[in-house]
């Protein structure tokens, strides 16, 4: 495949118009329109910039958590670096939440009572994004939920710049 499916409104720096589009879509396509809550969760994470912020936060968070637990393991209980855990928590959990406010006005985020059930799906989304396999997965998701194309105004974008 020589192209990616991306939302027409995807922007690194969202405009008021693109943010309004996301807010309206999230009002129309609520979790009750999907077979499972996690299917809806996948649906709200289609924007590539939002996904990259999430993936970045996960990677940086895991690094800080790893350093913290490594120090705890080597240096013992008295040296547990709580600051590193707090920094890891910010990147792993709060940066993705903040990105939802930035990109979609905060309407497309899961509720706190579903954080545990969406933990594996968010890791899955991040790994698909980081490994470049998200587009293939999205095309399968569209077979299950064809309205995704219209809801997100998905368009084909070339993977590589073609020089004539």
N, C-alpha and C. Protein backbone atom coordinates (compact mmCIF):
# COMPACT_ATOMS: atom_id res chain seq x y z
N UNK A 1 0.84 -1.17 0.00
CA UNK A 1 0.00 0.00 0.00
C UNK A 1 0.89 1.24 0.00
N UNK A 2 0.64 2.15 -0.92
CA UNK A 2 1.45 3.35 -1.06
C UNK A 2 0.88 4.57 -0.35
N UNK A 3 -0.15 4.35 0.46
CA UNK A 3 -0.77 5.49 1.13
C UNK A 3 -1.25 5.10 2.52
N UNK A 4 -1.49 6.14 3.31
CA UNK A 4 -2.07 6.00 4.65
C UNK A 4 -3.47 6.58 4.63
N UNK A 5 -4.34 6.03 5.45
CA UNK A 5 -5.64 6.65 5.69
C UNK A 5 -5.47 7.61 6.86
N UNK A 6 -5.78 8.87 6.64
CA UNK A 6 -5.68 9.86 7.70
C UNK A 6 -6.90 10.77 7.67
N UNK A 7 -7.28 11.32 8.80
CA UNK A 7 -8.38 12.28 8.82
C UNK A 7 -8.01 13.55 8.06
N UNK A 8 -8.93 14.04 7.30
CA UNK A 8 -8.71 15.28 6.55
C UNK A 8 -8.33 16.43 7.49
N UNK A 9 -8.89 16.41 8.70
CA UNK A 9 -8.67 17.51 9.65
C UNK A 9 -7.45 17.32 10.54
N UNK A 10 -6.65 16.26 10.32
CA UNK A 10 -5.49 16.00 11.18
C UNK A 10 -4.47 17.12 11.04
N UNK A 11 -4.09 17.67 12.17
CA UNK A 11 -3.13 18.78 12.21
C UNK A 11 -2.26 18.65 13.45
N UNK A 12 -0.97 18.91 13.28
CA UNK A 12 -0.09 18.93 14.45
C UNK A 12 -0.54 20.04 15.40
N UNK A 13 -0.88 21.18 14.83
CA UNK A 13 -1.40 22.30 15.61
C UNK A 13 -2.85 22.51 15.20
N UNK A 14 -3.78 21.99 15.99
CA UNK A 14 -5.19 22.06 15.58
C UNK A 14 -5.71 23.49 15.50
N UNK A 15 -6.63 23.68 14.59
CA UNK A 15 -7.31 24.97 14.46
C UNK A 15 -8.63 24.88 15.22
N UNK A 16 -9.28 26.01 15.38
CA UNK A 16 -10.60 25.99 16.01
C UNK A 16 -11.56 25.14 15.18
N UNK A 17 -11.43 25.21 13.86
CA UNK A 17 -12.28 24.43 12.97
C UNK A 17 -12.05 22.93 13.14
N UNK A 18 -10.78 22.51 13.19
CA UNK A 18 -10.50 21.08 13.34
C UNK A 18 -10.93 20.59 14.73
N UNK A 19 -10.71 21.40 15.74
CA UNK A 19 -11.15 21.02 17.09
C UNK A 19 -12.67 20.91 17.15
N UNK A 20 -13.37 21.82 16.51
CA UNK A 20 -14.84 21.77 16.47
C UNK A 20 -15.33 20.52 15.75
N UNK A 21 -14.63 20.15 14.69
CA UNK A 21 -14.97 18.93 13.96
C UNK A 21 -14.88 17.72 14.88
N UNK A 22 -13.79 17.65 15.65
CA UNK A 22 -13.61 16.52 16.58
C UNK A 22 -14.67 16.52 17.67
N UNK A 23 -14.97 17.68 18.19
CA UNK A 23 -15.99 17.78 19.25
C UNK A 23 -17.34 17.31 18.73
N UNK A 24 -17.70 17.75 17.53
CA UNK A 24 -18.99 17.35 16.94
C UNK A 24 -19.02 15.84 16.68
N UNK A 25 -17.93 15.30 16.14
CA UNK A 25 -17.88 13.86 15.88
C UNK A 25 -18.04 13.07 17.17
N UNK A 26 -17.39 13.52 18.23
CA UNK A 26 -17.46 12.81 19.50
C UNK A 26 -18.84 12.90 20.14
N UNK A 27 -19.59 13.92 19.78
CA UNK A 27 -20.97 14.06 20.27
C UNK A 27 -21.88 13.07 19.54
N UNK A 28 -21.61 12.86 18.28
CA UNK A 28 -22.45 11.97 17.46
C UNK A 28 -22.10 10.50 17.67
N UNK A 29 -20.80 10.19 17.65
CA UNK A 29 -20.35 8.79 17.73
C UNK A 29 -19.92 8.46 19.16
N UNK A 30 -20.90 8.16 19.97
CA UNK A 30 -20.66 7.81 21.37
C UNK A 30 -20.44 6.31 21.51
N UNK A 31 -20.03 5.88 22.67
CA UNK A 31 -19.66 4.48 22.88
C UNK A 31 -20.82 3.51 22.63
N UNK A 32 -22.06 3.98 22.75
CA UNK A 32 -23.20 3.08 22.51
C UNK A 32 -23.37 2.71 21.03
N UNK A 33 -22.63 3.35 20.13
CA UNK A 33 -22.69 3.04 18.70
C UNK A 33 -21.77 1.87 18.32
N UNK A 34 -21.04 1.34 19.30
CA UNK A 34 -20.04 0.32 19.05
C UNK A 34 -20.39 -0.96 19.81
N UNK A 35 -19.87 -2.08 19.31
CA UNK A 35 -20.14 -3.37 19.95
C UNK A 35 -19.59 -3.42 21.37
N UNK A 36 -18.43 -2.79 21.57
CA UNK A 36 -17.80 -2.78 22.89
C UNK A 36 -17.27 -1.37 23.19
N UNK A 37 -17.05 -1.12 24.45
CA UNK A 37 -16.47 0.16 24.87
C UNK A 37 -15.07 0.31 24.26
N UNK A 38 -14.32 -0.79 24.23
CA UNK A 38 -12.97 -0.73 23.68
C UNK A 38 -12.96 -0.44 22.19
N UNK A 39 -13.98 -0.89 21.45
CA UNK A 39 -14.08 -0.52 20.03
C UNK A 39 -14.23 1.00 19.90
N UNK A 40 -15.05 1.58 20.74
CA UNK A 40 -15.19 3.05 20.75
C UNK A 40 -13.86 3.70 21.11
N UNK A 41 -13.16 3.11 22.07
CA UNK A 41 -11.87 3.63 22.50
C UNK A 41 -10.89 3.66 21.33
N UNK A 42 -10.87 2.60 20.53
CA UNK A 42 -10.04 2.58 19.33
C UNK A 42 -10.48 3.69 18.37
N UNK A 43 -11.78 3.86 18.22
CA UNK A 43 -12.34 4.86 17.31
C UNK A 43 -11.89 6.28 17.66
N UNK A 44 -11.83 6.59 18.94
CA UNK A 44 -11.48 7.97 19.32
C UNK A 44 -9.99 8.26 19.20
N UNK A 45 -9.19 7.25 18.87
CA UNK A 45 -7.75 7.44 18.76
C UNK A 45 -7.23 7.33 17.32
N UNK A 46 -8.03 7.68 16.37
CA UNK A 46 -7.62 7.56 14.97
C UNK A 46 -6.71 8.70 14.52
N UNK A 47 -6.84 9.86 15.11
CA UNK A 47 -6.00 11.00 14.72
C UNK A 47 -4.52 10.66 14.92
N UNK A 48 -3.71 10.75 13.86
CA UNK A 48 -2.31 10.33 13.97
C UNK A 48 -1.48 11.19 14.92
N UNK A 49 -1.75 12.48 15.00
CA UNK A 49 -0.98 13.33 15.91
C UNK A 49 -1.30 13.01 17.36
N UNK A 50 -2.54 12.78 17.65
CA UNK A 50 -2.95 12.38 18.99
C UNK A 50 -2.27 11.05 19.36
N UNK A 51 -2.27 10.10 18.42
CA UNK A 51 -1.64 8.81 18.69
C UNK A 51 -0.15 8.94 18.93
N UNK A 52 0.52 9.81 18.17
CA UNK A 52 1.96 9.98 18.36
C UNK A 52 2.28 10.62 19.71
N UNK A 53 1.43 11.54 20.17
CA UNK A 53 1.63 12.12 21.50
C UNK A 53 1.46 11.02 22.55
N UNK A 54 0.43 10.20 22.38
CA UNK A 54 0.21 9.08 23.31
C UNK A 54 1.42 8.13 23.32
N UNK A 55 1.89 7.77 22.14
CA UNK A 55 3.01 6.83 22.03
C UNK A 55 4.28 7.43 22.64
N UNK A 56 4.53 8.71 22.38
CA UNK A 56 5.68 9.39 22.97
C UNK A 56 5.58 9.35 24.49
N UNK A 57 4.39 9.67 25.02
CA UNK A 57 4.20 9.65 26.47
C UNK A 57 4.44 8.27 27.07
N UNK A 58 3.98 7.24 26.36
CA UNK A 58 4.18 5.88 26.85
C UNK A 58 5.67 5.54 26.90
N UNK A 59 6.39 5.84 25.84
CA UNK A 59 7.83 5.51 25.79
C UNK A 59 8.59 6.26 26.88
N UNK A 60 8.37 7.55 26.99
CA UNK A 60 9.09 8.34 28.00
C UNK A 60 8.68 7.89 29.42
N UNK A 61 7.40 7.64 29.61
CA UNK A 61 6.93 7.17 30.91
C UNK A 61 7.57 5.85 31.30
N UNK A 62 7.64 4.92 30.37
CA UNK A 62 8.25 3.60 30.65
C UNK A 62 9.73 3.78 30.99
N UNK A 63 10.40 4.68 30.31
CA UNK A 63 11.82 4.93 30.62
C UNK A 63 11.97 5.40 32.06
N UNK A 64 11.15 6.39 32.46
CA UNK A 64 11.25 6.90 33.83
C UNK A 64 10.85 5.85 34.86
N UNK A 65 9.81 5.07 34.58
CA UNK A 65 9.41 3.99 35.49
C UNK A 65 10.54 2.96 35.61
N UNK A 66 11.16 2.62 34.50
CA UNK A 66 12.23 1.62 34.51
C UNK A 66 13.43 2.09 35.32
N UNK A 67 13.83 3.34 35.12
CA UNK A 67 14.95 3.88 35.89
C UNK A 67 14.61 3.88 37.38
N UNK A 68 13.41 4.28 37.70
CA UNK A 68 12.98 4.33 39.09
C UNK A 68 13.02 2.94 39.73
N UNK A 69 12.43 1.95 39.06
CA UNK A 69 12.40 0.61 39.64
C UNK A 69 13.77 -0.05 39.63
N UNK A 70 14.59 0.28 38.66
CA UNK A 70 15.96 -0.23 38.66
C UNK A 70 16.71 0.30 39.89
N UNK A 71 16.59 1.61 40.15
CA UNK A 71 17.24 2.20 41.32
C UNK A 71 16.73 1.56 42.60
N UNK A 72 15.44 1.32 42.67
CA UNK A 72 14.85 0.67 43.84
C UNK A 72 15.43 -0.73 44.02
N UNK A 73 15.55 -1.47 42.93
CA UNK A 73 16.04 -2.85 42.98
C UNK A 73 17.51 -2.89 43.41
N UNK A 74 18.32 -1.98 42.88
CA UNK A 74 19.75 -1.97 43.17
C UNK A 74 20.05 -1.31 44.52
N UNK A 75 19.42 -0.17 44.79
CA UNK A 75 19.77 0.61 45.98
C UNK A 75 18.88 0.33 47.19
N UNK A 76 17.77 -0.31 46.99
CA UNK A 76 16.93 -0.69 48.11
C UNK A 76 15.80 0.28 48.39
N UNK A 77 14.98 -0.08 49.37
CA UNK A 77 13.76 0.64 49.70
C UNK A 77 13.99 2.10 50.07
N UNK A 78 15.08 2.41 50.77
CA UNK A 78 15.33 3.78 51.21
C UNK A 78 15.65 4.74 50.08
N UNK A 79 15.93 4.21 48.90
CA UNK A 79 16.30 5.09 47.79
C UNK A 79 15.27 5.10 46.67
N UNK A 80 14.03 4.73 46.99
CA UNK A 80 13.00 4.69 45.95
C UNK A 80 12.79 6.11 45.41
N UNK A 81 13.11 6.33 44.13
CA UNK A 81 13.04 7.68 43.56
C UNK A 81 11.60 8.06 43.16
N UNK A 82 10.87 8.58 44.11
CA UNK A 82 9.47 8.95 43.88
C UNK A 82 9.33 10.01 42.79
N UNK A 83 10.31 10.90 42.69
CA UNK A 83 10.25 11.95 41.67
C UNK A 83 10.25 11.34 40.27
N UNK A 84 11.07 10.32 40.06
CA UNK A 84 11.10 9.67 38.74
C UNK A 84 9.77 9.00 38.44
N UNK A 85 9.15 8.41 39.45
CA UNK A 85 7.83 7.79 39.26
C UNK A 85 6.78 8.84 38.91
N UNK A 86 6.85 9.98 39.55
CA UNK A 86 5.90 11.06 39.26
C UNK A 86 6.09 11.59 37.84
N UNK A 87 7.32 11.73 37.41
CA UNK A 87 7.60 12.17 36.04
C UNK A 87 7.08 11.11 35.06
N UNK A 88 7.35 9.84 35.35
CA UNK A 88 6.86 8.76 34.51
C UNK A 88 5.34 8.76 34.43
N UNK A 89 4.69 9.00 35.56
CA UNK A 89 3.23 9.05 35.60
C UNK A 89 2.70 10.20 34.75
N UNK A 90 3.37 11.34 34.82
CA UNK A 90 2.94 12.47 33.99
C UNK A 90 2.97 12.08 32.52
N UNK A 91 4.07 11.55 32.06
CA UNK A 91 4.19 11.22 30.64
C UNK A 91 3.26 10.07 30.24
N UNK A 92 3.19 9.04 31.07
CA UNK A 92 2.41 7.85 30.71
C UNK A 92 0.91 8.10 30.76
N UNK A 93 0.44 8.85 31.76
CA UNK A 93 -1.00 9.02 31.96
C UNK A 93 -1.52 10.42 31.64
N UNK A 94 -0.84 11.44 32.13
CA UNK A 94 -1.41 12.79 32.04
C UNK A 94 -1.14 13.48 30.70
N UNK A 95 0.01 13.25 30.09
CA UNK A 95 0.26 13.84 28.78
C UNK A 95 -0.78 13.37 27.76
N UNK A 96 -1.11 12.07 27.71
CA UNK A 96 -2.19 11.65 26.79
C UNK A 96 -3.54 12.32 27.10
N UNK A 97 -3.86 12.47 28.37
CA UNK A 97 -5.12 13.15 28.72
C UNK A 97 -5.09 14.61 28.24
N UNK A 98 -3.98 15.27 28.48
CA UNK A 98 -3.85 16.66 28.04
C UNK A 98 -3.95 16.76 26.52
N UNK A 99 -3.42 15.77 25.81
CA UNK A 99 -3.48 15.81 24.35
C UNK A 99 -4.93 15.73 23.86
N UNK A 100 -5.79 15.05 24.59
CA UNK A 100 -7.21 15.02 24.20
C UNK A 100 -7.83 16.42 24.33
N UNK A 101 -7.48 17.15 25.35
CA UNK A 101 -7.99 18.52 25.48
C UNK A 101 -7.45 19.39 24.36
N UNK A 102 -6.20 19.17 23.99
CA UNK A 102 -5.57 19.97 22.95
C UNK A 102 -6.17 19.67 21.57
N UNK A 103 -6.37 18.39 21.25
CA UNK A 103 -6.82 18.01 19.91
C UNK A 103 -8.34 17.96 19.75
N UNK A 104 -9.05 17.57 20.78
CA UNK A 104 -10.49 17.39 20.59
C UNK A 104 -11.34 17.99 21.70
N UNK A 105 -10.79 18.94 22.41
CA UNK A 105 -11.56 19.62 23.44
C UNK A 105 -11.86 18.76 24.65
N UNK A 106 -11.23 17.60 24.76
CA UNK A 106 -11.42 16.73 25.91
C UNK A 106 -12.59 15.78 25.82
N UNK A 107 -13.32 15.81 24.71
CA UNK A 107 -14.50 14.97 24.58
C UNK A 107 -14.20 13.53 24.23
N UNK A 108 -13.02 13.26 23.73
CA UNK A 108 -12.70 11.89 23.28
C UNK A 108 -11.66 11.28 24.20
N UNK A 109 -12.01 11.16 25.43
CA UNK A 109 -11.13 10.47 26.36
C UNK A 109 -11.98 9.50 27.16
N UNK A 110 -11.36 8.43 27.57
CA UNK A 110 -12.13 7.45 28.34
C UNK A 110 -12.34 7.97 29.75
N UNK A 111 -13.36 7.46 30.38
CA UNK A 111 -13.66 7.88 31.75
C UNK A 111 -12.74 7.15 32.72
N UNK A 112 -12.47 7.76 33.88
CA UNK A 112 -11.55 7.15 34.85
C UNK A 112 -11.94 5.72 35.25
N UNK A 113 -13.23 5.41 35.28
CA UNK A 113 -13.64 4.06 35.67
C UNK A 113 -13.29 3.01 34.61
N UNK A 114 -12.87 3.43 33.43
CA UNK A 114 -12.51 2.47 32.38
C UNK A 114 -11.01 2.45 32.09
N UNK A 115 -10.20 3.12 32.90
CA UNK A 115 -8.76 3.15 32.66
C UNK A 115 -8.16 1.75 32.66
N UNK A 116 -8.62 0.89 33.55
CA UNK A 116 -8.08 -0.46 33.60
C UNK A 116 -8.46 -1.26 32.35
N UNK A 117 -9.71 -1.16 31.93
CA UNK A 117 -10.15 -1.94 30.76
C UNK A 117 -9.55 -1.43 29.45
N UNK A 118 -9.12 -0.18 29.42
CA UNK A 118 -8.54 0.37 28.19
C UNK A 118 -7.01 0.37 28.22
N UNK A 119 -6.42 -0.15 29.28
CA UNK A 119 -4.96 -0.17 29.39
C UNK A 119 -4.32 -0.96 28.25
N UNK A 120 -4.80 -2.18 28.01
CA UNK A 120 -4.24 -3.01 26.94
C UNK A 120 -4.52 -2.39 25.56
N UNK A 121 -5.75 -1.92 25.28
CA UNK A 121 -5.97 -1.27 23.97
C UNK A 121 -5.07 -0.07 23.72
N UNK A 122 -4.81 0.75 24.73
CA UNK A 122 -3.96 1.93 24.49
C UNK A 122 -2.51 1.49 24.22
N UNK A 123 -2.05 0.46 24.90
CA UNK A 123 -0.71 -0.07 24.61
C UNK A 123 -0.69 -0.61 23.18
N UNK A 124 -1.76 -1.32 22.79
CA UNK A 124 -1.88 -1.86 21.43
C UNK A 124 -1.83 -0.74 20.39
N UNK A 125 -2.60 0.31 20.61
CA UNK A 125 -2.62 1.46 19.68
C UNK A 125 -1.23 2.07 19.58
N UNK A 126 -0.58 2.26 20.73
CA UNK A 126 0.76 2.86 20.73
C UNK A 126 1.77 1.99 20.00
N UNK A 127 1.71 0.69 20.22
CA UNK A 127 2.65 -0.20 19.54
C UNK A 127 2.39 -0.25 18.03
N UNK A 128 1.12 -0.26 17.63
CA UNK A 128 0.80 -0.20 16.21
C UNK A 128 1.35 1.08 15.59
N UNK A 129 1.21 2.18 16.30
CA UNK A 129 1.70 3.48 15.82
C UNK A 129 3.22 3.47 15.71
N UNK A 130 3.89 3.02 16.76
CA UNK A 130 5.35 3.03 16.78
C UNK A 130 5.96 2.09 15.75
N UNK A 131 5.29 1.00 15.43
CA UNK A 131 5.84 0.02 14.49
C UNK A 131 5.38 0.24 13.05
N UNK A 132 4.54 1.26 12.82
CA UNK A 132 4.09 1.55 11.46
C UNK A 132 3.01 0.61 10.95
N UNK A 133 2.36 -0.14 11.85
CA UNK A 133 1.34 -1.09 11.43
C UNK A 133 -0.08 -0.57 11.68
N UNK A 134 -0.21 0.67 12.12
CA UNK A 134 -1.54 1.18 12.45
C UNK A 134 -2.46 1.24 11.24
N UNK A 135 -1.97 1.66 10.09
CA UNK A 135 -2.83 1.81 8.91
C UNK A 135 -3.46 0.48 8.51
N UNK A 136 -2.69 -0.57 8.54
CA UNK A 136 -3.22 -1.90 8.22
C UNK A 136 -4.33 -2.28 9.20
N UNK A 137 -4.10 -2.01 10.49
CA UNK A 137 -5.12 -2.29 11.51
C UNK A 137 -6.37 -1.45 11.27
N UNK A 138 -6.19 -0.15 10.95
CA UNK A 138 -7.32 0.76 10.73
C UNK A 138 -8.20 0.27 9.58
N UNK A 139 -7.59 -0.21 8.53
CA UNK A 139 -8.37 -0.71 7.38
C UNK A 139 -9.24 -1.90 7.77
N UNK A 140 -8.76 -2.73 8.68
CA UNK A 140 -9.58 -3.85 9.18
C UNK A 140 -10.70 -3.33 10.09
N UNK A 141 -10.40 -2.33 10.88
CA UNK A 141 -11.40 -1.72 11.76
C UNK A 141 -12.54 -1.13 10.94
N UNK A 142 -12.20 -0.53 9.81
CA UNK A 142 -13.21 0.09 8.93
C UNK A 142 -14.16 -0.97 8.35
N UNK A 143 -13.68 -2.16 8.14
CA UNK A 143 -14.56 -3.23 7.67
C UNK A 143 -15.64 -3.50 8.72
N UNK A 144 -15.26 -3.47 9.98
CA UNK A 144 -16.20 -3.69 11.08
C UNK A 144 -17.11 -2.49 11.29
N UNK A 145 -16.57 -1.28 11.16
CA UNK A 145 -17.32 -0.04 11.37
C UNK A 145 -17.12 0.88 10.17
N UNK A 146 -17.84 0.63 9.06
CA UNK A 146 -17.64 1.41 7.84
C UNK A 146 -17.92 2.91 8.01
N UNK A 147 -18.75 3.28 8.96
CA UNK A 147 -19.05 4.70 9.16
C UNK A 147 -17.83 5.49 9.63
N UNK A 148 -16.75 4.79 10.00
CA UNK A 148 -15.52 5.45 10.44
C UNK A 148 -14.95 6.37 9.36
N UNK A 149 -15.05 5.94 8.11
CA UNK A 149 -14.50 6.74 7.00
C UNK A 149 -15.18 8.10 6.94
N UNK A 150 -16.49 8.10 7.01
CA UNK A 150 -17.23 9.37 6.96
C UNK A 150 -17.07 10.16 8.26
N UNK A 151 -17.15 9.47 9.38
CA UNK A 151 -17.07 10.14 10.67
C UNK A 151 -15.76 10.90 10.84
N UNK A 152 -14.68 10.32 10.38
CA UNK A 152 -13.37 10.94 10.51
C UNK A 152 -12.94 11.68 9.24
N UNK A 153 -13.75 11.60 8.18
CA UNK A 153 -13.38 12.15 6.87
C UNK A 153 -11.99 11.66 6.47
N UNK A 154 -11.85 10.34 6.45
CA UNK A 154 -10.56 9.73 6.12
C UNK A 154 -10.24 9.88 4.64
N UNK A 155 -9.01 10.22 4.37
CA UNK A 155 -8.53 10.37 2.99
C UNK A 155 -7.20 9.61 2.87
N UNK A 156 -6.89 9.23 1.64
CA UNK A 156 -5.61 8.57 1.37
C UNK A 156 -4.53 9.64 1.22
N UNK A 157 -3.42 9.45 1.91
CA UNK A 157 -2.27 10.33 1.78
C UNK A 157 -1.06 9.48 1.41
N UNK A 158 -0.29 9.94 0.47
CA UNK A 158 0.89 9.21 0.01
C UNK A 158 1.87 9.00 1.16
N UNK A 159 2.49 7.82 1.20
CA UNK A 159 3.47 7.52 2.23
C UNK A 159 4.77 8.29 2.00
N UNK A 160 5.14 8.40 0.73
CA UNK A 160 6.39 9.06 0.41
C UNK A 160 6.15 10.20 -0.56
N UNK A 161 6.95 11.21 -0.42
CA UNK A 161 6.89 12.32 -1.35
C UNK A 161 7.41 11.84 -2.70
N UNK A 162 6.63 12.01 -3.74
CA UNK A 162 7.03 11.56 -5.08
C UNK A 162 7.58 12.75 -5.85
N UNK A 163 8.81 12.63 -6.26
CA UNK A 163 9.45 13.70 -7.03
C UNK A 163 9.36 13.35 -8.50
N UNK A 164 8.78 14.23 -9.32
CA UNK A 164 8.62 13.92 -10.75
C UNK A 164 9.94 13.84 -11.48
